[in-house]
């Protein structure tokens, strides 16, 4: 996980070496020279994949792996910590400064006007308000296809603090009697896509935006879009962490490197003192470590300023309460308890949570790469096809190709409801389109890979495990 923006542009290792004077494989900055160095670095941890989980606890591990090596985002102080722990870090990239943009509106706009719909940041990415204005416009332009639903509140809004947001979803289908009801007994199979749970992962919100437009603008003219909306209910949550995205939009606020690295939500009440905002640190709770499925296990931290802080209790955050409430209203429970229990063969539905980056398709279990779920064979087969459609991504359980991580949304929905669940890590780990905040122009290439994956997943929602009677499409 890396970033671009006013603040720092993630570029390929070779380009970073030229721009910033740091070459791949150089020893990490250490000693007195690191004091006052506020630049952002990506560190390579040789052999990190085979270290005991505790050795890497609390670090901002990126969704990236090269052989046995893992990668960490941080500043110069992070290098001091890594060196003192005997981890032998190497500088993979030093992230160069990019052009400043003024801060954007903070908090939900009182009216989602046409002007609000055009709000962007970091070269073209839509603000939270622009995403919400887009939902309303789609529902207005395609009244027979789209319904916007308020599913809950962000942490700021739920606690009465300024700058908060609603959490919104859109239901897309060719409407018939009973469409888009918040009950799990739907006539049509359902496919749920959520994005920007990790605030800094801007590509994911853009993919959700384009997916909505592809289906609604293509209905009646594009055969695939038409078939999907005639036979499926597609639900999209374009921003699962609006407070966190709001912080990212604000840019420099919070320090020299600023909030563009912010991953978590805005709940800052757990720390005894204010957490610095920058690479490898920040306030809030990692929503993708807070879910009550093996909560508090591998890949989480108990320290509030760490990027993978799990929170004081499972399912504590208002955003996760809202998302889980939506999951339960959309899908019936078809799986018995127990890590190896399988969901019923007649299960319908599909869930994809979009993240970035590293060109990977991941599926449960995330908490332990050595534990296979009861539906592992089916999940693996679908993951393999998704990876093929993307042009040759890696696929597997997180611990097999990345590292173990507990408390994720994909583990929760499969654990609690039996719905096939996938995490897609969109974007390469290096090159001009690598990182958290690649140039907005990179999104065209990403979309060309993600669209066939989405249409495939929508089709599989009819009978993902092979036993449902509804048409698969």
Protein backbone atom coordinates (compact mmCIF):
# COMPACT_ATOMS: atom_id res chain seq x y z
CA UNK A 1 0.00 0.00 0.00
CA UNK A 2 1.45 3.30 -1.12
CA UNK A 3 0.24 6.63 -2.35
CA UNK A 4 0.29 9.62 -4.73
CA UNK A 5 -1.38 12.99 -4.08
CA UNK A 6 -0.32 16.40 -3.17
CA UNK A 7 1.91 14.92 -0.93
CA UNK A 8 3.65 11.90 -2.33
CA UNK A 9 3.44 10.06 -5.62
CA UNK A 10 4.14 6.35 -5.58
CA UNK A 11 6.29 5.42 -8.54
CA UNK A 12 8.31 2.46 -9.68
CA UNK A 13 11.41 1.62 -7.70
CA UNK A 14 13.71 2.58 -10.55
CA UNK A 15 11.91 5.88 -11.12
CA UNK A 16 11.98 6.63 -7.41
CA UNK A 17 15.70 6.00 -7.40
CA UNK A 18 16.20 8.62 -10.09
CA UNK A 19 13.81 11.19 -8.65
CA UNK A 20 14.72 10.82 -5.02
CA UNK A 21 18.30 9.60 -5.17
CA UNK A 22 17.49 6.31 -3.48
CA UNK A 23 18.17 3.00 -5.18
CA UNK A 24 16.39 -0.30 -4.71
CA UNK A 25 18.12 -2.44 -2.12
CA UNK A 26 19.77 0.42 -0.22
CA UNK A 27 19.96 0.01 3.51
CA UNK A 28 17.14 1.74 5.36
CA UNK A 29 17.84 5.17 6.87
CA UNK A 30 19.05 4.80 10.42
CA UNK A 31 20.79 6.71 13.15
CA UNK A 32 20.70 10.47 13.89
CA UNK A 33 20.20 11.37 10.21
CA UNK A 34 16.69 9.92 10.43
CA UNK A 35 15.58 12.56 12.94
CA UNK A 36 13.32 15.09 11.22
CA UNK A 37 13.07 13.07 8.01
CA UNK A 38 9.34 13.18 7.26
CA UNK A 39 9.49 11.48 3.88
CA UNK A 40 7.57 8.29 3.16
CA UNK A 41 9.34 5.03 2.38
CA UNK A 42 8.44 1.53 1.28
CA UNK A 43 10.72 -0.98 3.00
CA UNK A 44 11.41 -4.51 1.83
CA UNK A 45 11.58 -7.04 4.68
CA UNK A 46 13.69 -10.00 3.49
CA UNK A 47 12.08 -13.30 4.48
CA UNK A 48 9.18 -11.49 6.12
CA UNK A 49 6.65 -14.10 5.04
CA UNK A 50 8.29 -16.69 7.31
CA UNK A 51 8.66 -14.53 10.40
CA UNK A 52 6.47 -15.25 13.43
CA UNK A 53 3.38 -12.98 13.26
CA UNK A 54 4.44 -11.10 16.39
CA UNK A 55 7.63 -9.83 14.72
CA UNK A 56 5.57 -7.76 12.25
CA UNK A 57 2.71 -6.80 14.58
CA UNK A 58 1.52 -3.22 14.22
CA UNK A 59 3.44 -2.46 11.02
CA UNK A 60 1.75 -1.04 7.93
CA UNK A 61 2.20 -4.20 5.88
CA UNK A 62 1.35 -3.62 2.24
CA UNK A 63 -0.80 -6.00 0.21
CA UNK A 64 2.34 -7.02 -1.63
CA UNK A 65 4.72 -9.95 -1.53
CA UNK A 66 7.77 -10.89 -3.61
CA UNK A 67 8.77 -14.48 -2.99
CA UNK A 68 9.35 -14.58 0.77
CA UNK A 69 9.79 -10.81 1.11
CA UNK A 70 7.09 -8.50 2.52
CA UNK A 71 6.81 -4.72 2.32
CA UNK A 72 6.14 -2.03 4.91
CA UNK A 73 5.05 1.59 4.50
CA UNK A 74 6.59 4.04 6.95
CA UNK A 75 8.84 6.99 7.59
CA UNK A 76 12.46 7.18 8.75
CA UNK A 77 11.42 6.40 12.31
CA UNK A 78 9.95 3.15 11.02
CA UNK A 79 13.41 2.20 9.77
CA UNK A 80 14.83 2.70 13.25
CA UNK A 81 12.20 0.35 14.63
CA UNK A 82 12.80 -2.26 11.91
CA UNK A 83 16.56 -2.16 12.36
CA UNK A 84 16.31 -2.42 16.14
CA UNK A 85 14.07 -5.47 15.68
CA UNK A 86 16.74 -7.11 13.52
CA UNK A 87 14.54 -7.23 10.41
CA UNK A 88 17.22 -5.94 7.96
CA UNK A 89 14.95 -3.60 5.95
CA UNK A 90 15.91 -2.35 2.50
CA UNK A 91 14.54 0.80 0.91
CA UNK A 92 12.30 -0.31 -1.95
CA UNK A 93 10.93 3.14 -2.78
CA UNK A 94 11.16 6.67 -1.47
CA UNK A 95 7.91 8.35 -2.40
CA UNK A 96 8.46 11.67 -4.14
CA UNK A 97 6.45 14.86 -3.52
CA UNK A 98 3.56 15.66 -5.85
CA UNK A 99 1.65 18.86 -6.54
CA UNK A 100 -0.41 20.44 -3.77
CA UNK A 101 -4.17 20.63 -4.03
CA UNK A 102 -6.24 22.76 -1.64
CA UNK A 103 -8.37 20.94 0.96
CA UNK A 104 -11.83 19.83 -0.09
CA UNK A 105 -15.13 20.27 1.69
CA UNK A 106 -15.20 18.29 4.94
CA UNK A 107 -18.43 16.53 5.88
CA UNK A 108 -21.60 15.70 4.03
CA UNK A 109 -22.86 18.42 1.71
CA UNK A 110 -26.28 19.85 2.68
CA UNK A 111 -27.43 19.41 -0.93
CA UNK A 112 -26.05 16.97 -3.48
CA UNK A 113 -26.13 19.33 -6.45
CA UNK A 114 -24.70 18.96 -9.94
CA UNK A 115 -21.69 21.01 -8.81
CA UNK A 116 -21.11 18.64 -5.90
CA UNK A 117 -21.19 15.72 -8.31
CA UNK A 118 -18.14 17.20 -10.05
CA UNK A 119 -15.98 17.49 -6.91
CA UNK A 120 -12.68 15.63 -7.32
CA UNK A 121 -9.31 15.39 -5.59
CA UNK A 122 -5.88 13.99 -6.42
CA UNK A 123 -6.34 14.54 -10.14
CA UNK A 124 -9.83 13.15 -10.75
CA UNK A 125 -10.96 10.90 -7.89
CA UNK A 126 -14.50 11.63 -6.70
CA UNK A 127 -15.07 12.97 -3.21
CA UNK A 128 -17.52 11.23 -0.89
CA UNK A 129 -20.13 13.87 -1.71
CA UNK A 130 -19.55 13.40 -5.44
CA UNK A 131 -20.07 9.66 -5.04
CA UNK A 132 -23.34 10.26 -3.20
CA UNK A 133 -24.53 12.86 -5.72
CA UNK A 134 -23.79 10.28 -8.41
CA UNK A 135 -26.01 7.71 -6.69
CA UNK A 136 -28.90 10.17 -6.56
CA UNK A 137 -28.41 11.14 -10.21
CA UNK A 138 -28.36 7.50 -11.32
CA UNK A 139 -31.58 6.82 -9.41
CA UNK A 140 -33.17 9.87 -11.02
CA UNK A 141 -32.01 9.04 -14.55
CA UNK A 142 -32.81 5.31 -14.27
CA UNK A 143 -35.84 5.14 -11.99
CA UNK A 144 -36.79 1.68 -13.26
CA UNK A 145 -33.35 0.30 -12.45
CA UNK A 146 -31.92 2.01 -9.36
CA UNK A 147 -32.83 2.64 -5.72
CA UNK A 148 -30.60 4.46 -3.20
CA UNK A 149 -30.66 3.19 0.40
CA UNK A 150 -29.27 4.84 3.55
CA UNK A 151 -27.78 1.93 5.51
CA UNK A 152 -26.37 3.76 8.56
CA UNK A 153 -24.01 6.44 9.80
CA UNK A 154 -20.28 6.98 9.96
CA UNK A 155 -18.54 7.20 13.32
CA UNK A 156 -18.48 11.00 13.27
CA UNK A 157 -22.18 11.27 12.45
CA UNK A 158 -23.23 8.54 14.89
CA UNK A 159 -21.45 10.35 17.74
CA UNK A 160 -22.66 13.85 16.82
CA UNK A 161 -19.25 15.11 15.74
CA UNK A 162 -18.84 17.49 12.81
CA UNK A 163 -17.86 16.20 9.40
CA UNK A 164 -19.85 12.96 9.50
CA UNK A 165 -21.64 11.12 6.72
CA UNK A 166 -24.42 8.69 5.98
CA UNK A 167 -23.40 5.30 4.61
CA UNK A 168 -25.20 4.71 1.33
CA UNK A 169 -25.83 1.80 -1.00
CA UNK A 170 -27.52 1.54 -4.37
CA UNK A 171 -29.62 -1.38 -5.57
CA UNK A 172 -29.52 -2.00 -9.33
CA UNK A 173 -32.00 -4.32 -11.08
CA UNK A 174 -34.80 -4.21 -13.62
CA UNK A 175 -37.45 -3.54 -11.02
CA UNK A 176 -40.33 -5.90 -10.41
CA UNK A 177 -42.61 -6.45 -7.45
CA UNK A 178 -40.49 -6.82 -4.30
CA UNK A 179 -37.23 -5.58 -5.81
CA UNK A 180 -34.60 -4.05 -3.51
CA UNK A 181 -36.39 -5.01 -0.29
CA UNK A 182 -34.11 -5.30 2.71
CA UNK A 183 -35.04 -8.91 3.41
CA UNK A 184 -32.97 -12.01 2.61
CA UNK A 185 -35.74 -13.80 0.66
CA UNK A 186 -35.11 -12.07 -2.67
CA UNK A 187 -36.48 -13.49 -5.89
CA UNK A 188 -33.30 -12.74 -7.81
CA UNK A 189 -29.79 -13.72 -6.69
CA UNK A 190 -27.85 -10.85 -5.16
CA UNK A 191 -24.33 -9.59 -5.81
CA UNK A 192 -22.85 -7.07 -3.35
CA UNK A 193 -19.78 -4.97 -4.13
CA UNK A 194 -18.22 -2.64 -1.54
CA UNK A 195 -15.34 -0.20 -1.92
CA UNK A 196 -13.11 2.21 0.03
CA UNK A 197 -13.28 0.52 3.40
CA UNK A 198 -9.60 1.42 3.55
CA UNK A 199 -9.76 5.14 2.92
CA UNK A 200 -6.51 5.61 1.00
CA UNK A 201 -7.34 2.95 -1.61
CA UNK A 202 -8.79 5.37 -4.13
CA UNK A 203 -8.93 3.01 -7.09
CA UNK A 204 -11.67 0.99 -5.40
CA UNK A 205 -14.15 3.86 -5.23
CA UNK A 206 -13.57 4.58 -8.91
CA UNK A 207 -14.22 0.94 -9.86
CA UNK A 208 -17.51 1.02 -7.95
CA UNK A 209 -18.49 4.26 -9.73
CA UNK A 210 -17.78 2.76 -13.16
CA UNK A 211 -19.59 -0.49 -12.35
CA UNK A 212 -22.76 1.44 -11.50
CA UNK A 213 -22.56 3.40 -14.76
CA UNK A 214 -21.75 0.33 -16.85
CA UNK A 215 -24.90 -1.46 -15.70
CA UNK A 216 -27.34 1.44 -15.83
CA UNK A 217 -26.08 3.23 -18.95
CA UNK A 218 -25.65 -0.10 -20.72
CA UNK A 219 -29.08 -1.49 -19.94
CA UNK A 220 -30.91 -2.11 -23.19
CA UNK A 221 -27.84 -1.65 -25.37
CA UNK A 222 -25.15 -3.86 -23.81
CA UNK A 223 -26.26 -7.49 -23.78
CA UNK A 224 -24.27 -8.42 -20.67
CA UNK A 225 -25.40 -5.42 -18.60
CA UNK A 226 -28.99 -6.04 -19.67
CA UNK A 227 -28.89 -9.72 -18.74
CA UNK A 228 -27.38 -8.97 -15.34
CA UNK A 229 -30.05 -6.44 -14.40
CA UNK A 230 -32.84 -8.65 -15.76
CA UNK A 231 -31.73 -11.62 -13.61
CA UNK A 232 -29.83 -10.19 -10.62
CA UNK A 233 -30.01 -7.62 -7.87
CA UNK A 234 -26.67 -5.84 -7.80
CA UNK A 235 -25.90 -3.84 -4.66
CA UNK A 236 -23.00 -1.40 -4.44
CA UNK A 237 -21.55 0.45 -1.44
CA UNK A 238 -19.14 2.86 -3.16
CA UNK A 239 -17.64 4.25 0.07
CA UNK A 240 -17.61 2.00 3.13
CA UNK A 241 -15.52 4.42 5.23
CA UNK A 242 -16.63 7.98 4.39
CA UNK A 243 -15.02 9.65 7.43
CA UNK A 244 -11.68 8.11 6.54
CA UNK A 245 -11.99 9.11 2.90
CA UNK A 246 -12.83 12.62 4.07
CA UNK A 247 -9.51 12.67 5.93
CA UNK A 248 -7.65 11.52 2.82
CA UNK A 249 -9.35 14.26 0.79
CA UNK A 250 -8.02 16.88 3.19
CA UNK A 251 -4.47 16.09 2.24
CA UNK A 252 -1.76 17.79 4.29
CA UNK A 253 -3.88 18.21 7.41
CA UNK A 254 -2.19 16.49 10.33
CA UNK A 255 1.50 16.89 9.54
CA UNK A 256 4.11 17.20 6.79
CA UNK A 257 3.19 13.90 5.17
CA UNK A 258 -0.45 14.27 6.14
CA UNK A 259 -3.59 12.25 5.97
CA UNK A 260 -3.21 10.95 2.42
CA UNK A 261 -1.99 7.69 3.98
CA UNK A 262 -5.05 7.31 6.23
CA UNK A 263 -6.36 3.74 6.22
CA UNK A 264 -8.76 3.54 9.16
CA UNK A 265 -11.97 5.27 10.20
CA UNK A 266 -12.01 8.53 12.19
CA UNK A 267 -12.59 7.12 15.68
CA UNK A 268 -9.71 8.71 17.61
CA UNK A 269 -11.06 8.13 21.14
CA UNK A 270 -9.01 5.02 21.93
CA UNK A 271 -5.58 6.64 22.04
CA UNK A 272 -4.29 8.31 25.20
CA UNK A 273 -2.71 11.00 23.01
CA UNK A 274 -3.25 12.16 19.45
CA UNK A 275 -1.80 9.77 16.88
CA UNK A 276 0.47 11.37 14.31
CA UNK A 277 -0.92 11.19 10.77
CA UNK A 278 1.55 9.85 8.25
CA UNK A 279 2.94 6.71 6.67
CA UNK A 280 2.67 3.81 9.09
CA UNK A 281 0.66 5.62 11.76
CA UNK A 282 -2.64 7.37 12.32
CA UNK A 283 -5.80 7.57 14.39
CA UNK A 284 -8.84 5.37 13.97
CA UNK A 285 -9.76 1.69 13.81
CA UNK A 286 -9.09 -0.61 10.88
CA UNK A 287 -12.58 -1.63 9.80
CA UNK A 288 -11.12 -4.64 7.99
CA UNK A 289 -9.70 -5.96 11.28
CA UNK A 290 -12.71 -5.13 13.49
CA UNK A 291 -15.19 -7.77 12.31
CA UNK A 292 -16.16 -10.56 14.69
CA UNK A 293 -14.70 -13.44 12.72
CA UNK A 294 -11.56 -14.59 14.54
CA UNK A 295 -11.27 -11.01 15.79
CA UNK A 296 -7.94 -10.12 17.37
CA UNK A 297 -5.97 -12.88 15.65
CA UNK A 298 -3.12 -12.69 13.17
CA UNK A 299 -2.49 -9.42 11.39
CA UNK A 300 -4.08 -7.18 14.02
CA UNK A 301 -2.78 -4.81 16.69
CA UNK A 302 -3.92 -3.62 20.13
CA UNK A 303 -2.15 -0.25 19.79
CA UNK A 304 -4.50 2.56 18.69
CA UNK A 305 -1.98 4.35 16.45
CA UNK A 306 -1.05 1.24 14.49
CA UNK A 307 -2.53 0.88 10.99
CA UNK A 308 -4.15 -2.49 11.79
CA UNK A 309 -5.63 -1.49 15.17
CA UNK A 310 -8.53 -3.88 15.79
CA UNK A 311 -10.50 -1.70 18.24
CA UNK A 312 -11.40 -2.48 21.85
CA UNK A 313 -14.06 -5.02 20.91
CA UNK A 314 -15.28 -6.86 17.84
CA UNK A 315 -17.88 -5.15 15.63
CA UNK A 316 -17.49 -1.97 17.67
CA UNK A 317 -17.53 0.52 14.81
CA UNK A 318 -20.65 2.16 13.44
CA UNK A 319 -19.50 1.62 9.86
CA UNK A 320 -19.18 -2.13 10.42
CA UNK A 321 -22.53 -2.24 12.21
CA UNK A 322 -24.08 -0.63 9.13
CA UNK A 323 -22.31 -2.93 6.67
CA UNK A 324 -23.05 -6.09 8.62
CA UNK A 325 -26.68 -5.01 8.97
CA UNK A 326 -26.86 -4.77 5.18
CA UNK A 327 -25.24 -8.19 4.74
CA UNK A 328 -27.80 -9.83 7.00
CA UNK A 329 -30.69 -8.12 5.22
CA UNK A 330 -29.49 -9.22 1.79
CA UNK A 331 -28.45 -12.84 2.38
CA UNK A 332 -29.89 -15.75 4.40
CA UNK A 333 -27.57 -17.78 6.62
CA UNK A 334 -26.70 -21.06 4.89
CA UNK A 335 -23.61 -22.20 6.84
CA UNK A 336 -23.29 -24.09 10.13
CA UNK A 337 -20.72 -22.98 12.69
CA UNK A 338 -17.15 -24.26 12.59
CA UNK A 339 -14.18 -23.32 10.45
CA UNK A 340 -14.49 -26.38 8.22
CA UNK A 341 -18.29 -26.39 7.88
CA UNK A 342 -19.52 -25.82 4.34
CA UNK A 343 -22.31 -23.53 3.23
CA UNK A 344 -25.27 -25.27 1.65
CA UNK A 345 -24.82 -26.24 -1.99
CA UNK A 346 -27.94 -24.26 -2.85
CA UNK A 347 -26.53 -20.99 -1.47
CA UNK A 348 -27.12 -18.01 -3.73
CA UNK A 349 -25.29 -14.69 -3.75
CA UNK A 350 -21.82 -13.24 -4.12
CA UNK A 351 -19.76 -10.68 -2.20
CA UNK A 352 -16.69 -8.79 -3.41
CA UNK A 353 -14.84 -6.20 -1.36
CA UNK A 354 -12.49 -4.03 -3.41
CA UNK A 355 -9.03 -3.14 -2.09
CA UNK A 356 -5.70 -2.07 -3.54
CA UNK A 357 -3.20 -3.12 -4.53
CA UNK A 358 -1.04 -6.01 -5.90
CA UNK A 359 -3.23 -7.76 -8.49
CA UNK A 360 -4.57 -10.52 -6.26
CA UNK A 361 -7.81 -12.44 -5.73
CA UNK A 362 -8.18 -13.54 -2.10
CA UNK A 363 -10.83 -15.69 -0.41
CA UNK A 364 -11.45 -17.16 3.09
CA UNK A 365 -9.99 -18.03 5.33
CA UNK A 366 -7.90 -14.93 5.91
CA UNK A 367 -7.26 -15.57 9.61
CA UNK A 368 -5.13 -18.66 8.91
CA UNK A 369 -3.71 -19.65 5.54
CA UNK A 370 -3.37 -23.26 6.67
CA UNK A 371 -7.10 -23.64 7.39
CA UNK A 372 -9.32 -24.51 4.44
CA UNK A 373 -12.98 -23.55 4.58
CA UNK A 374 -15.71 -26.08 3.84
CA UNK A 375 -16.17 -24.47 0.41
CA UNK A 376 -12.50 -24.03 -0.39
CA UNK A 377 -12.61 -25.96 -3.67
CA UNK A 378 -15.45 -23.86 -5.06
CA UNK A 379 -13.95 -20.59 -3.84
CA UNK A 380 -10.60 -21.55 -5.32
CA UNK A 381 -12.13 -22.42 -8.69
CA UNK A 382 -13.99 -19.10 -8.84
CA UNK A 383 -10.89 -17.23 -7.68
CA UNK A 384 -8.82 -18.88 -10.37
CA UNK A 385 -11.27 -17.77 -13.06
CA UNK A 386 -11.43 -14.24 -11.71
CA UNK A 387 -7.63 -14.06 -11.75
CA UNK A 388 -7.57 -15.38 -15.33
CA UNK A 389 -10.09 -12.77 -16.47
CA UNK A 390 -7.91 -10.08 -14.91
CA UNK A 391 -5.02 -11.16 -17.09
CA UNK A 392 -3.11 -13.45 -14.75
CA UNK A 393 -3.41 -12.18 -11.19
CA UNK A 394 -2.39 -14.33 -8.23
CA UNK A 395 -5.16 -16.07 -6.33
CA UNK A 396 -5.46 -17.99 -3.08
CA UNK A 397 -6.13 -17.69 0.62
CA UNK A 398 -4.32 -14.65 2.05
CA UNK A 399 -1.86 -16.71 4.06
CA UNK A 400 -0.92 -18.69 0.96
CA UNK A 401 0.11 -15.76 -1.23
CA UNK A 402 0.35 -12.80 1.16
CA UNK A 403 -0.02 -13.04 4.95
CA UNK A 404 -2.68 -13.96 7.51
CA UNK A 405 -5.16 -11.25 8.52
CA UNK A 406 -8.06 -11.66 10.96
CA UNK A 407 -11.33 -9.77 11.28
CA UNK A 408 -11.91 -9.00 7.60
CA UNK A 409 -15.24 -8.38 5.91
CA UNK A 410 -14.83 -11.33 3.55
CA UNK A 411 -14.19 -13.74 6.43
CA UNK A 412 -17.18 -12.32 8.36
CA UNK A 413 -19.78 -12.67 5.61
CA UNK A 414 -18.64 -16.17 4.72
CA UNK A 415 -18.37 -17.14 8.39
CA UNK A 416 -21.76 -15.78 9.42
CA UNK A 417 -23.84 -16.33 6.27
CA UNK A 418 -22.00 -18.74 3.96
CA UNK A 419 -21.93 -16.26 1.07
CA UNK A 420 -18.91 -16.74 -1.23
CA UNK A 421 -16.65 -13.80 -0.46
CA UNK A 422 -13.66 -12.37 -2.28
CA UNK A 423 -11.18 -9.55 -1.80
CA UNK A 424 -9.70 -8.09 -4.97
CA UNK A 425 -6.42 -6.20 -4.64
CA UNK A 426 -6.55 -3.95 -7.70
CA UNK A 427 -3.45 -2.45 -9.28
CA UNK A 428 0.21 -3.43 -9.64
CA UNK A 429 2.71 -3.19 -6.82
CA UNK A 430 5.14 -1.09 -8.87
CA UNK A 431 5.38 0.98 -12.01
CA UNK A 432 3.70 4.22 -12.96
CA UNK A 433 0.25 2.89 -12.01
CA UNK A 434 1.36 1.27 -8.75
CA UNK A 435 0.36 2.34 -5.28
CA UNK A 436 -2.65 3.71 -3.46
CA UNK A 437 -3.05 6.93 -5.44
CA UNK A 438 -1.94 6.25 -9.00
CA UNK A 439 -2.51 8.86 -11.67
CA UNK A 440 -6.22 9.00 -12.42
CA UNK A 441 -5.51 8.01 -16.02
CA UNK A 442 -4.48 4.56 -14.74
CA UNK A 443 -8.11 3.82 -13.91
CA UNK A 444 -8.95 3.07 -17.55
CA UNK A 445 -6.53 0.14 -17.57
CA UNK A 446 -7.77 -1.10 -14.20
CA UNK A 447 -11.39 -0.98 -15.35
CA UNK A 448 -10.64 -3.09 -18.42
CA UNK A 449 -9.47 -5.85 -16.07
CA UNK A 450 -12.07 -5.45 -13.35
CA UNK A 451 -15.19 -5.27 -15.54
CA UNK A 452 -15.02 -8.89 -16.79
CA UNK A 453 -14.34 -10.01 -13.24
CA UNK A 454 -17.47 -8.21 -12.04
CA UNK A 455 -19.69 -9.59 -14.79
CA UNK A 456 -18.40 -13.10 -14.07
CA UNK A 457 -19.10 -12.69 -10.34
CA UNK A 458 -22.60 -11.42 -11.07
CA UNK A 459 -23.28 -14.51 -13.15
CA UNK A 460 -21.93 -16.87 -10.47
CA UNK A 461 -24.26 -15.34 -7.85
CA UNK A 462 -27.03 -17.59 -9.14
CA UNK A 463 -25.36 -20.85 -8.09
CA UNK A 464 -21.84 -20.29 -6.77
CA UNK A 465 -21.53 -23.72 -5.15
CA UNK A 466 -23.38 -25.57 -7.90
CA UNK A 467 -26.58 -26.56 -6.13
CA UNK A 468 -28.96 -23.63 -6.63
CA UNK A 469 -31.91 -23.95 -8.98
CA UNK A 470 -32.03 -20.35 -10.23
CA UNK A 471 -30.43 -19.54 -13.60
CA UNK A 472 -26.77 -18.68 -13.47
CA UNK A 473 -26.78 -16.33 -16.43
